Amino acid sequence: KPQAEIEIRVTATDDNQVSIELEDNGKGIPQADLERIFDRFYRVDTARTSTEGGSGLGLAIAKRIIEAHGGAIRAQSGYGKGTLIVITLPIHPLGKETA
């Protein structure tokens, strides 16, 4: 791609949640790999080593943190078309503790 782009959108939903969308115009993720990207140590590009960047932990850690806060994370991608990551989190009123 001539220019790498990342678009971030944040919206409140009608069911008292916030939706955070992160979309890029990169090479995308093959459909066969898409369900595994949140697994620990999984890398789409098997040719990469830890010395070349990435341990395969980032998305797995993000998923655990988001789920611990009552949220969810998912990905949509088309190989050659970029990737969309959608995070949803509950909105908690300030000053109120959650169970």
PDB file of N, CA and C in Angstrom:
ATOM      1  N   LYS A   1       0.847  -1.181   0.000  1.00  0.00           N
ATOM      2  CA  LYS A   1       0.000   0.000   0.000  1.00  0.00           C
ATOM      3  C   LYS A   1       0.892   1.244   0.000  1.00  0.00           C
ATOM      4  N   PRO A   2       0.483   2.270  -0.717  1.00  0.00           N
ATOM      5  CA  PRO A   2       1.295   3.477  -0.754  1.00  0.00           C
ATOM      6  C   PRO A   2       1.356   4.182   0.600  1.00  0.00           C
ATOM      7  N   GLN A   3       0.308   4.148   1.369  1.00  0.00           N
ATOM      8  CA  GLN A   3       0.259   4.842   2.656  1.00  0.00           C
ATOM      9  C   GLN A   3      -0.465   3.953   3.659  1.00  0.00           C
ATOM     10  N   ALA A   4       0.213   3.607   4.762  1.00  0.00           N
ATOM     11  CA  ALA A   4      -0.438   2.846   5.826  1.00  0.00           C
ATOM     12  C   ALA A   4      -1.409   3.762   6.555  1.00  0.00           C
ATOM     13  N   GLU A   5      -2.616   3.247   6.802  1.00  0.00           N
ATOM     14  CA  GLU A   5      -3.634   4.037   7.485  1.00  0.00           C
ATOM     15  C   GLU A   5      -4.266   3.211   8.593  1.00  0.00           C
ATOM     16  N   ILE A   6      -4.546   3.858   9.713  1.00  0.00           N
ATOM     17  CA  ILE A   6      -5.290   3.256  10.808  1.00  0.00           C
ATOM     18  C   ILE A   6      -6.394   4.232  11.178  1.00  0.00           C
ATOM     19  N   GLU A   7      -7.616   3.734  11.206  1.00  0.00           N
ATOM     20  CA  GLU A   7      -8.749   4.563  11.588  1.00  0.00           C
ATOM     21  C   GLU A   7      -9.294   4.039  12.915  1.00  0.00           C
ATOM     22  N   ILE A   8      -9.565   4.957  13.852  1.00  0.00           N
ATOM     23  CA  ILE A   8     -10.099   4.595  15.161  1.00  0.00           C
ATOM     24  C   ILE A   8     -11.443   5.283  15.331  1.00  0.00           C
ATOM     25  N   ARG A   9     -12.463   4.480  15.675  1.00  0.00           N
ATOM     26  CA  ARG A   9     -13.803   5.021  15.905  1.00  0.00           C
ATOM     27  C   ARG A   9     -14.274   4.576  17.290  1.00  0.00           C
ATOM     28  N   VAL A  10     -14.839   5.496  18.050  1.00  0.00           N
ATOM     29  CA  VAL A  10     -15.367   5.198  19.379  1.00  0.00           C
ATOM     30  C   VAL A  10     -16.805   5.688  19.430  1.00  0.00           C
ATOM     31  N   THR A  11     -17.726   4.790  19.788  1.00  0.00           N
ATOM     32  CA  THR A  11     -19.136   5.157  19.865  1.00  0.00           C
ATOM     33  C   THR A  11     -19.779   4.502  21.082  1.00  0.00           C
ATOM     34  N   ALA A  12     -20.751   5.195  21.650  1.00  0.00           N
ATOM     35  CA  ALA A  12     -21.565   4.621  22.720  1.00  0.00           C
ATOM     36  C   ALA A  12     -22.740   3.900  22.067  1.00  0.00           C
ATOM     37  N   THR A  13     -23.088   2.745  22.587  1.00  0.00           N
ATOM     38  CA  THR A  13     -24.201   1.979  22.038  1.00  0.00           C
ATOM     39  C   THR A  13     -25.442   2.177  22.900  1.00  0.00           C
ATOM     40  N   ASP A  14     -26.582   1.748  22.388  1.00  0.00           N
ATOM     41  CA  ASP A  14     -27.845   1.896  23.109  1.00  0.00           C
ATOM     42  C   ASP A  14     -27.923   1.006  24.349  1.00  0.00           C
ATOM     43  N   ASP A  15     -27.084  -0.033  24.428  1.00  0.00           N
ATOM     44  CA  ASP A  15     -27.149  -0.963  25.559  1.00  0.00           C
ATOM     45  C   ASP A  15     -26.074  -0.667  26.610  1.00  0.00           C
ATOM     46  N   ASN A  16     -25.724   0.629  26.787  1.00  0.00           N
ATOM     47  CA  ASN A  16     -24.803   1.096  27.818  1.00  0.00           C
ATOM     48  C   ASN A  16     -23.403   0.487  27.679  1.00  0.00           C
ATOM     49  N   GLN A  17     -22.925   0.440  26.458  1.00  0.00           N
ATOM     50  CA  GLN A  17     -21.573  -0.034  26.185  1.00  0.00           C
ATOM     51  C   GLN A  17     -20.869   0.973  25.281  1.00  0.00           C
ATOM     52  N   VAL A  18     -19.553   0.850  25.249  1.00  0.00           N
ATOM     53  CA  VAL A  18     -18.774   1.641  24.308  1.00  0.00           C
ATOM     54  C   VAL A  18     -18.157   0.674  23.309  1.00  0.00           C
ATOM     55  N   SER A  19     -18.153   1.068  22.059  1.00  0.00           N
ATOM     56  CA  SER A  19     -17.568   0.258  20.988  1.00  0.00           C
ATOM     57  C   SER A  19     -16.344   1.000  20.455  1.00  0.00           C
ATOM     58  N   ILE A  20     -15.208   0.310  20.439  1.00  0.00           N
ATOM     59  CA  ILE A  20     -13.969   0.874  19.924  1.00  0.00           C
ATOM     60  C   ILE A  20     -13.582   0.062  18.696  1.00  0.00           C
ATOM     61  N   GLU A  21     -13.494   0.706  17.551  1.00  0.00           N
ATOM     62  CA  GLU A  21     -13.143   0.033  16.308  1.00  0.00           C
ATOM     63  C   GLU A  21     -11.793   0.541  15.824  1.00  0.00           C
ATOM     64  N   LEU A  22     -10.908  -0.392  15.521  1.00  0.00           N
ATOM     65  CA  LEU A  22      -9.582  -0.076  14.986  1.00  0.00           C
ATOM     66  C   LEU A  22      -9.483  -0.753  13.628  1.00  0.00           C
ATOM     67  N   GLU A  23      -9.307   0.037  12.580  1.00  0.00           N
ATOM     68  CA  GLU A  23      -9.297  -0.518  11.224  1.00  0.00           C
ATOM     69  C   GLU A  23      -8.055  -0.053  10.482  1.00  0.00           C
ATOM     70  N   ASP A  24      -7.405  -0.995   9.798  1.00  0.00           N
ATOM     71  CA  ASP A  24      -6.225  -0.640   9.005  1.00  0.00           C
ATOM     72  C   ASP A  24      -6.429  -1.040   7.555  1.00  0.00           C
ATOM     73  N   ASN A  25      -5.522  -0.602   6.721  1.00  0.00           N
ATOM     74  CA  ASN A  25      -5.574  -0.943   5.299  1.00  0.00           C
ATOM     75  C   ASN A  25      -4.409  -1.864   4.933  1.00  0.00           C
ATOM     76  N   GLY A  26      -3.962  -2.665   5.910  1.00  0.00           N
ATOM     77  CA  GLY A  26      -2.829  -3.566   5.704  1.00  0.00           C
ATOM     78  C   GLY A  26      -3.177  -4.767   4.849  1.00  0.00           C
ATOM     79  N   LYS A  27      -2.307  -5.766   4.917  1.00  0.00           N
ATOM     80  CA  LYS A  27      -2.477  -6.942   4.063  1.00  0.00           C
ATOM     81  C   LYS A  27      -3.590  -7.865   4.520  1.00  0.00           C
ATOM     82  N   GLY A  28      -4.083  -7.672   5.728  1.00  0.00           N
ATOM     83  CA  GLY A  28      -5.182  -8.488   6.217  1.00  0.00           C
ATOM     84  C   GLY A  28      -4.706  -9.819   6.778  1.00  0.00           C
ATOM     85  N   ILE A  29      -5.670 -10.597   7.237  1.00  0.00           N
ATOM     86  CA  ILE A  29      -5.408 -11.887   7.863  1.00  0.00           C
ATOM     87  C   ILE A  29      -6.177 -12.947   7.089  1.00  0.00           C
ATOM     88  N   PRO A  30      -5.519 -14.022   6.679  1.00  0.00           N
ATOM     89  CA  PRO A  30      -6.241 -15.087   5.984  1.00  0.00           C
ATOM     90  C   PRO A  30      -7.363 -15.653   6.862  1.00  0.00           C
ATOM     91  N   GLN A  31      -8.474 -15.982   6.266  1.00  0.00           N
ATOM     92  CA  GLN A  31      -9.642 -16.484   6.986  1.00  0.00           C
ATOM     93  C   GLN A  31      -9.298 -17.689   7.867  1.00  0.00           C
ATOM     94  N   ALA A  32      -8.422 -18.551   7.401  1.00  0.00           N
ATOM     95  CA  ALA A  32      -8.048 -19.750   8.163  1.00  0.00           C
ATOM     96  C   ALA A  32      -7.344 -19.396   9.472  1.00  0.00           C
ATOM     97  N   ASP A  33      -6.701 -18.242   9.542  1.00  0.00           N
ATOM     98  CA  ASP A  33      -5.975 -17.820  10.738  1.00  0.00           C
ATOM     99  C   ASP A  33      -6.797 -16.938  11.670  1.00  0.00           C
ATOM    100  N   LEU A  34      -7.879 -16.390  11.174  1.00  0.00           N
ATOM    101  CA  LEU A  34      -8.617 -15.360  11.898  1.00  0.00           C
ATOM    102  C   LEU A  34      -9.092 -15.803  13.280  1.00  0.00           C
ATOM    103  N   GLU A  35      -9.582 -17.016  13.426  1.00  0.00           N
ATOM    104  CA  GLU A  35     -10.092 -17.476  14.717  1.00  0.00           C
ATOM    105  C   GLU A  35      -8.985 -17.726  15.733  1.00  0.00           C
ATOM    106  N   ARG A  36      -7.747 -17.836  15.292  1.00  0.00           N
ATOM    107  CA  ARG A  36      -6.650 -18.164  16.191  1.00  0.00           C
ATOM    108  C   ARG A  36      -5.816 -16.968  16.625  1.00  0.00           C
ATOM    109  N   ILE A  37      -6.078 -15.785  16.107  1.00  0.00           N
ATOM    110  CA  ILE A  37      -5.206 -14.648  16.404  1.00  0.00           C
ATOM    111  C   ILE A  37      -5.230 -14.237  17.868  1.00  0.00           C
ATOM    112  N   PHE A  38      -6.232 -14.652  18.628  1.00  0.00           N
ATOM    113  CA  PHE A  38      -6.298 -14.321  20.047  1.00  0.00           C
ATOM    114  C   PHE A  38      -5.708 -15.434  20.922  1.00  0.00           C
ATOM    115  N   ASP A  39      -5.173 -16.489  20.307  1.00  0.00           N
ATOM    116  CA  ASP A  39      -4.514 -17.574  21.041  1.00  0.00           C
ATOM    117  C   ASP A  39      -3.099 -17.145  21.428  1.00  0.00           C
ATOM    118  N   ARG A  40      -2.666 -17.569  22.615  1.00  0.00           N
ATOM    119  CA  ARG A  40      -1.304 -17.250  23.046  1.00  0.00           C
ATOM    120  C   ARG A  40      -0.277 -17.842  22.088  1.00  0.00           C
ATOM    121  N   PHE A  41       0.731 -17.069  21.786  1.00  0.00           N
ATOM    122  CA  PHE A  41       1.878 -17.442  20.957  1.00  0.00           C
ATOM    123  C   PHE A  41       1.534 -17.710  19.490  1.00  0.00           C
ATOM    124  N   TYR A  42       0.307 -17.425  19.063  1.00  0.00           N
ATOM    125  CA  TYR A  42      -0.049 -17.659  17.661  1.00  0.00           C
ATOM    126  C   TYR A  42       0.421 -16.490  16.808  1.00  0.00           C
ATOM    127  N   ARG A  43       1.036 -16.806  15.697  1.00  0.00           N
ATOM    128  CA  ARG A  43       1.458 -15.798  14.718  1.00  0.00           C
ATOM    129  C   ARG A  43       0.928 -16.199  13.354  1.00  0.00           C
ATOM    130  N   VAL A  44       0.336 -15.244  12.674  1.00  0.00           N
ATOM    131  CA  VAL A  44      -0.154 -15.515  11.321  1.00  0.00           C
ATOM    132  C   VAL A  44       1.010 -15.802  10.392  1.00  0.00           C
ATOM    133  N   ASP A  45       2.071 -14.999  10.522  1.00  0.00           N
ATOM    134  CA  ASP A  45       3.253 -15.169   9.674  1.00  0.00           C
ATOM    135  C   ASP A  45       4.214 -16.118  10.381  1.00  0.00           C
ATOM    136  N   THR A  46       4.180 -17.385  10.017  1.00  0.00           N
ATOM    137  CA  THR A  46       5.006 -18.397  10.680  1.00  0.00           C
ATOM    138  C   THR A  46       6.490 -18.223  10.382  1.00  0.00           C
ATOM    139  N   ALA A  47       6.828 -17.424   9.394  1.00  0.00           N
ATOM    140  CA  ALA A  47       8.237 -17.198   9.066  1.00  0.00           C
ATOM    141  C   ALA A  47       8.898 -16.229  10.044  1.00  0.00           C
ATOM    142  N   ARG A  48       8.083 -15.491  10.806  1.00  0.00           N
ATOM    143  CA  ARG A  48       8.645 -14.518  11.751  1.00  0.00           C
ATOM    144  C   ARG A  48       9.143 -15.220  13.003  1.00  0.00           C
ATOM    145  N   THR A  49      10.234 -14.727  13.549  1.00  0.00           N
ATOM    146  CA  THR A  49      10.747 -15.224  14.815  1.00  0.00           C
ATOM    147  C   THR A  49      10.652 -14.105  15.840  1.00  0.00           C
ATOM    148  N   SER A  50      10.840 -14.444  17.104  1.00  0.00           N
ATOM    149  CA  SER A  50      10.745 -13.416  18.137  1.00  0.00           C
ATOM    150  C   SER A  50      11.822 -12.348  17.972  1.00  0.00           C
ATOM    151  N   THR A  51      12.931 -12.672  17.324  1.00  0.00           N
ATOM    152  CA  THR A  51      13.965 -11.662  17.095  1.00  0.00           C
ATOM    153  C   THR A  51      13.553 -10.671  16.014  1.00  0.00           C
ATOM    154  N   GLU A  52      12.590 -11.045  15.183  1.00  0.00           N
ATOM    155  CA  GLU A  52      12.112 -10.151  14.122  1.00  0.00           C
ATOM    156  C   GLU A  52      10.887  -9.369  14.554  1.00  0.00           C
ATOM    157  N   GLY A  53      10.456  -9.542  15.794  1.00  0.00           N
ATOM    158  CA  GLY A  53       9.311  -8.787  16.299  1.00  0.00           C
ATOM    159  C   GLY A  53       8.102  -9.656  16.533  1.00  0.00           C
ATOM    160  N   GLY A  54       7.465  -9.425  17.661  1.00  0.00           N
ATOM    161  CA  GLY A  54       6.228 -10.109  17.985  1.00  0.00           C
ATOM    162  C   GLY A  54       6.447 -11.456  18.633  1.00  0.00           C
ATOM    163  N   SER A  55       5.747 -11.657  19.738  1.00  0.00           N
ATOM    164  CA  SER A  55       5.839 -12.933  20.439  1.00  0.00           C
ATOM    165  C   SER A  55       4.550 -13.728  20.325  1.00  0.00           C
ATOM    166  N   GLY A  56       3.519 -13.104  19.767  1.00  0.00           N
ATOM    167  CA  GLY A  56       2.230 -13.775  19.690  1.00  0.00           C
ATOM    168  C   GLY A  56       1.443 -13.661  20.981  1.00  0.00           C
ATOM    169  N   LEU A  57       1.794 -12.707  21.837  1.00  0.00           N
ATOM    170  CA  LEU A  57       1.099 -12.543  23.114  1.00  0.00           C
ATOM    171  C   LEU A  57       0.178 -11.327  23.162  1.00  0.00           C
ATOM    172  N   GLY A  58       0.417 -10.330  22.353  1.00  0.00           N
ATOM    173  CA  GLY A  58      -0.307  -9.063  22.453  1.00  0.00           C
ATOM    174  C   GLY A  58      -1.819  -9.189  22.404  1.00  0.00           C
ATOM    175  N   LEU A  59      -2.359  -9.833  21.397  1.00  0.00           N
ATOM    176  CA  LEU A  59      -3.815  -9.957  21.282  1.00  0.00           C
ATOM    177  C   LEU A  59      -4.389 -10.891  22.337  1.00  0.00           C
ATOM    178  N   ALA A  60      -3.635 -11.904  22.740  1.00  0.00           N
ATOM    179  CA  ALA A  60      -4.096 -12.811  23.796  1.00  0.00           C
ATOM    180  C   ALA A  60      -4.222 -12.055  25.116  1.00  0.00           C
ATOM    181  N   ILE A  61      -3.238 -11.213  25.435  1.00  0.00           N
ATOM    182  CA  ILE A  61      -3.285 -10.411  26.657  1.00  0.00           C
ATOM    183  C   ILE A  61      -4.420  -9.393  26.578  1.00  0.00           C
ATOM    184  N   ALA A  62      -4.559  -8.727  25.444  1.00  0.00           N
ATOM    185  CA  ALA A  62      -5.642  -7.753  25.270  1.00  0.00           C
ATOM    186  C   ALA A  62      -6.996  -8.410  25.488  1.00  0.00           C
ATOM    187  N   LYS A  63      -7.189  -9.601  24.946  1.00  0.00           N
ATOM    188  CA  LYS A  63      -8.463 -10.302  25.101  1.00  0.00           C
ATOM    189  C   LYS A  63      -8.747 -10.588  26.574  1.00  0.00           C
ATOM    190  N   ARG A  64      -7.750 -11.054  27.319  1.00  0.00           N
ATOM    191  CA  ARG A  64      -7.950 -11.369  28.743  1.00  0.00           C
ATOM    192  C   ARG A  64      -8.314 -10.121  29.537  1.00  0.00           C
ATOM    193  N   ILE A  65      -7.640  -9.012  29.264  1.00  0.00           N
ATOM    194  CA  ILE A  65      -7.927  -7.766  29.983  1.00  0.00           C
ATOM    195  C   ILE A  65      -9.338  -7.275  29.663  1.00  0.00           C
ATOM    196  N   ILE A  66      -9.688  -7.280  28.400  1.00  0.00           N
ATOM    197  CA  ILE A  66     -11.011  -6.810  27.974  1.00  0.00           C
ATOM    198  C   ILE A  66     -12.106  -7.679  28.578  1.00  0.00           C
ATOM    199  N   GLU A  67     -11.939  -8.998  28.545  1.00  0.00           N
ATOM    200  CA  GLU A  67     -12.937  -9.901  29.126  1.00  0.00           C
ATOM    201  C   GLU A  67     -13.024  -9.736  30.645  1.00  0.00           C
ATOM    202  N   ALA A  68     -11.902  -9.455  31.304  1.00  0.00           N
ATOM    203  CA  ALA A  68     -11.912  -9.230  32.756  1.00  0.00           C
ATOM    204  C   ALA A  68     -12.736  -7.999  33.126  1.00  0.00           C
ATOM    205  N   HIS A  69     -12.869  -7.075  32.181  1.00  0.00           N
ATOM    206  CA  HIS A  69     -13.675  -5.876  32.398  1.00  0.00           C
ATOM    207  C   HIS A  69     -15.098  -6.034  31.860  1.00  0.00           C
ATOM    208  N   GLY A  70     -15.484  -7.247  31.540  1.00  0.00           N
ATOM    209  CA  GLY A  70     -16.846  -7.506  31.076  1.00  0.00           C
ATOM    210  C   GLY A  70     -17.084  -7.210  29.615  1.00  0.00           C
ATOM    211  N   GLY A  71     -16.014  -7.100  28.850  1.00  0.00           N
ATOM    212  CA  GLY A  71     -16.144  -6.756  27.444  1.00  0.00           C
ATOM    213  C   GLY A  71     -15.842  -7.920  26.520  1.00  0.00           C
ATOM    214  N   ALA A  72     -15.722  -7.604  25.254  1.00  0.00           N
ATOM    215  CA  ALA A  72     -15.436  -8.608  24.227  1.00  0.00           C
ATOM    216  C   ALA A  72     -14.584  -7.972  23.138  1.00  0.00           C
ATOM    217  N   ILE A  73     -13.839  -8.809  22.430  1.00  0.00           N
ATOM    218  CA  ILE A  73     -13.020  -8.360  21.304  1.00  0.00           C
ATOM    219  C   ILE A  73     -13.208  -9.349  20.167  1.00  0.00           C
ATOM    220  N   ARG A  74     -13.284  -8.830  18.953  1.00  0.00           N
ATOM    221  CA  ARG A  74     -13.400  -9.703  17.779  1.00  0.00           C
ATOM    222  C   ARG A  74     -12.681  -9.049  16.613  1.00  0.00           C
ATOM    223  N   ALA A  75     -12.427  -9.848  15.598  1.00  0.00           N
ATOM    224  CA  ALA A  75     -11.719  -9.348  14.419  1.00  0.00           C
ATOM    225  C   ALA A  75     -12.449  -9.757  13.157  1.00  0.00           C
ATOM    226  N   GLN A  76     -12.388  -8.873  12.169  1.00  0.00           N
ATOM    227  CA  GLN A  76     -12.867  -9.162  10.816  1.00  0.00           C
ATOM    228  C   GLN A  76     -11.728  -8.796   9.881  1.00  0.00           C
ATOM    229  N   SER A  77     -11.523  -9.611   8.881  1.00  0.00           N
ATOM    230  CA  SER A  77     -10.443  -9.309   7.961  1.00  0.00           C
ATOM    231  C   SER A  77     -10.667 -10.010   6.637  1.00  0.00           C
ATOM    232  N   GLY A  78     -10.118  -9.435   5.625  1.00  0.00           N
ATOM    233  CA  GLY A  78     -10.075 -10.046   4.313  1.00  0.00           C
ATOM    234  C   GLY A  78      -8.645  -9.953   3.822  1.00  0.00           C
ATOM    235  N   TYR A  79      -8.084 -11.060   3.441  1.00  0.00           N
ATOM    236  CA  TYR A  79      -6.693 -11.050   3.019  1.00  0.00           C
ATOM    237  C   TYR A  79      -6.526 -10.085   1.853  1.00  0.00           C
ATOM    238  N   GLY A  80      -5.624  -9.151   2.006  1.00  0.00           N
ATOM    239  CA  GLY A  80      -5.405  -8.124   1.000  1.00  0.00           C
ATOM    240  C   GLY A  80      -6.304  -6.908   1.164  1.00  0.00           C
ATOM    241  N   LYS A  81      -7.156  -6.913   2.191  1.00  0.00           N
ATOM    242  CA  LYS A  81      -8.118  -5.821   2.360  1.00  0.00           C
ATOM    243  C   LYS A  81      -8.040  -5.116   3.702  1.00  0.00           C
ATOM    244  N   GLY A  82      -7.150  -5.527   4.586  1.00  0.00           N
ATOM    245  CA  GLY A  82      -7.052  -4.878   5.890  1.00  0.00           C
ATOM    246  C   GLY A  82      -7.797  -5.639   6.966  1.00  0.00           C
ATOM    247  N   THR A  83      -7.728  -5.100   8.190  1.00  0.00           N
ATOM    248  CA  THR A  83      -8.305  -5.765   9.352  1.00  0.00           C
ATOM    249  C   THR A  83      -9.080  -4.770  10.193  1.00  0.00           C
ATOM    250  N   LEU A  84     -10.175  -5.240  10.779  1.00  0.00           N
ATOM    251  CA  LEU A  84     -10.991  -4.461  11.699  1.00  0.00           C
ATOM    252  C   LEU A  84     -11.033  -5.209  13.025  1.00  0.00           C
ATOM    253  N   ILE A  85     -10.613  -4.546  14.098  1.00  0.00           N
ATOM    254  CA  ILE A  85     -10.712  -5.085  15.446  1.00  0.00           C
ATOM    255  C   ILE A  85     -11.801  -4.290  16.150  1.00  0.00           C
ATOM    256  N   VAL A  86     -12.771  -4.991  16.760  1.00  0.00           N
ATOM    257  CA  VAL A  86     -13.869  -4.338  17.471  1.00  0.00           C
ATOM    258  C   VAL A  86     -13.821  -4.760  18.934  1.00  0.00           C
ATOM    259  N   ILE A  87     -13.755  -3.768  19.802  1.00  0.00           N
ATOM    260  CA  ILE A  87     -13.742  -3.985  21.246  1.00  0.00           C
ATOM    261  C   ILE A  87     -15.020  -3.368  21.807  1.00  0.00           C
ATOM    262  N   THR A  88     -15.740  -4.119  22.627  1.00  0.00           N
ATOM    263  CA  THR A  88     -16.895  -3.563  23.329  1.00  0.00           C
ATOM    264  C   THR A  88     -16.661  -3.697  24.822  1.00  0.00           C
ATOM    265  N   LEU A  89     -16.978  -2.630  25.539  1.00  0.00           N
ATOM    266  CA  LEU A  89     -16.810  -2.598  26.989  1.00  0.00           C
ATOM    267  C   LEU A  89     -18.049  -1.970  27.619  1.00  0.00           C
ATOM    268  N   PRO A  90     -18.455  -2.469  28.792  1.00  0.00           N
ATOM    269  CA  PRO A  90     -19.590  -1.841  29.470  1.00  0.00           C
ATOM    270  C   PRO A  90     -19.200  -0.463  29.993  1.00  0.00           C
ATOM    271  N   ILE A  91     -20.166   0.444  29.993  1.00  0.00           N
ATOM    272  CA  ILE A  91     -19.953   1.768  30.559  1.00  0.00           C
ATOM    273  C   ILE A  91     -20.441   1.729  31.997  1.00  0.00           C
ATOM    274  N   HIS A  92     -19.550   2.030  32.937  1.00  0.00           N
ATOM    275  CA  HIS A  92     -19.903   2.049  34.350  1.00  0.00           C
ATOM    276  C   HIS A  92     -19.970   3.505  34.799  1.00  0.00           C
ATOM    277  N   PRO A  93     -21.039   3.863  35.507  1.00  0.00           N
ATOM    278  CA  PRO A  93     -21.114   5.233  36.022  1.00  0.00           C
ATOM    279  C   PRO A  93     -19.939   5.541  36.945  1.00  0.00           C
ATOM    280  N   LEU A  94     -19.433   6.755  36.910  1.00  0.00           N
ATOM    281  CA  LEU A  94     -18.319   7.151  37.765  1.00  0.00           C
ATOM    282  C   LEU A  94     -18.734   7.070  39.231  1.00  0.00           C
ATOM    283  N   GLY A  95     -17.810   6.608  40.037  1.00  0.00           N
ATOM    284  CA  GLY A  95     -18.051   6.547  41.465  1.00  0.00           C
ATOM    285  C   GLY A  95     -18.821   5.318  41.925  1.00  0.00           C
ATOM    286  N   LYS A  96     -19.216   4.454  41.022  1.00  0.00           N
ATOM    287  CA  LYS A  96     -19.949   3.241  41.404  1.00  0.00           C
ATOM    288  C   LYS A  96     -19.041   2.042  41.164  1.00  0.00           C
ATOM    289  N   GLU A  97     -18.960   1.199  42.159  1.00  0.00           N
ATOM    290  CA  GLU A  97     -18.147  -0.008  42.018  1.00  0.00           C
ATOM    291  C   GLU A  97     -18.937  -1.069  41.311  1.00  0.00           C
ATOM    292  N   THR A  98     -18.221  -1.950  40.602  1.00  0.00           N
ATOM    293  CA  THR A  98     -18.859  -3.062  39.921  1.00  0.00           C
ATOM    294  C   THR A  98     -18.640  -4.327  40.721  1.00  0.00           C
ATOM    295  N   ALA A  99     -19.519  -5.264  40.532  1.00  0.00           N
ATOM    296  CA  ALA A  99     -19.412  -6.540  41.264  1.00  0.00           C
ATOM    297  C   ALA A  99     -18.400  -7.444  40.649  1.00  0.00           C
TER     298      ALA A  99
END
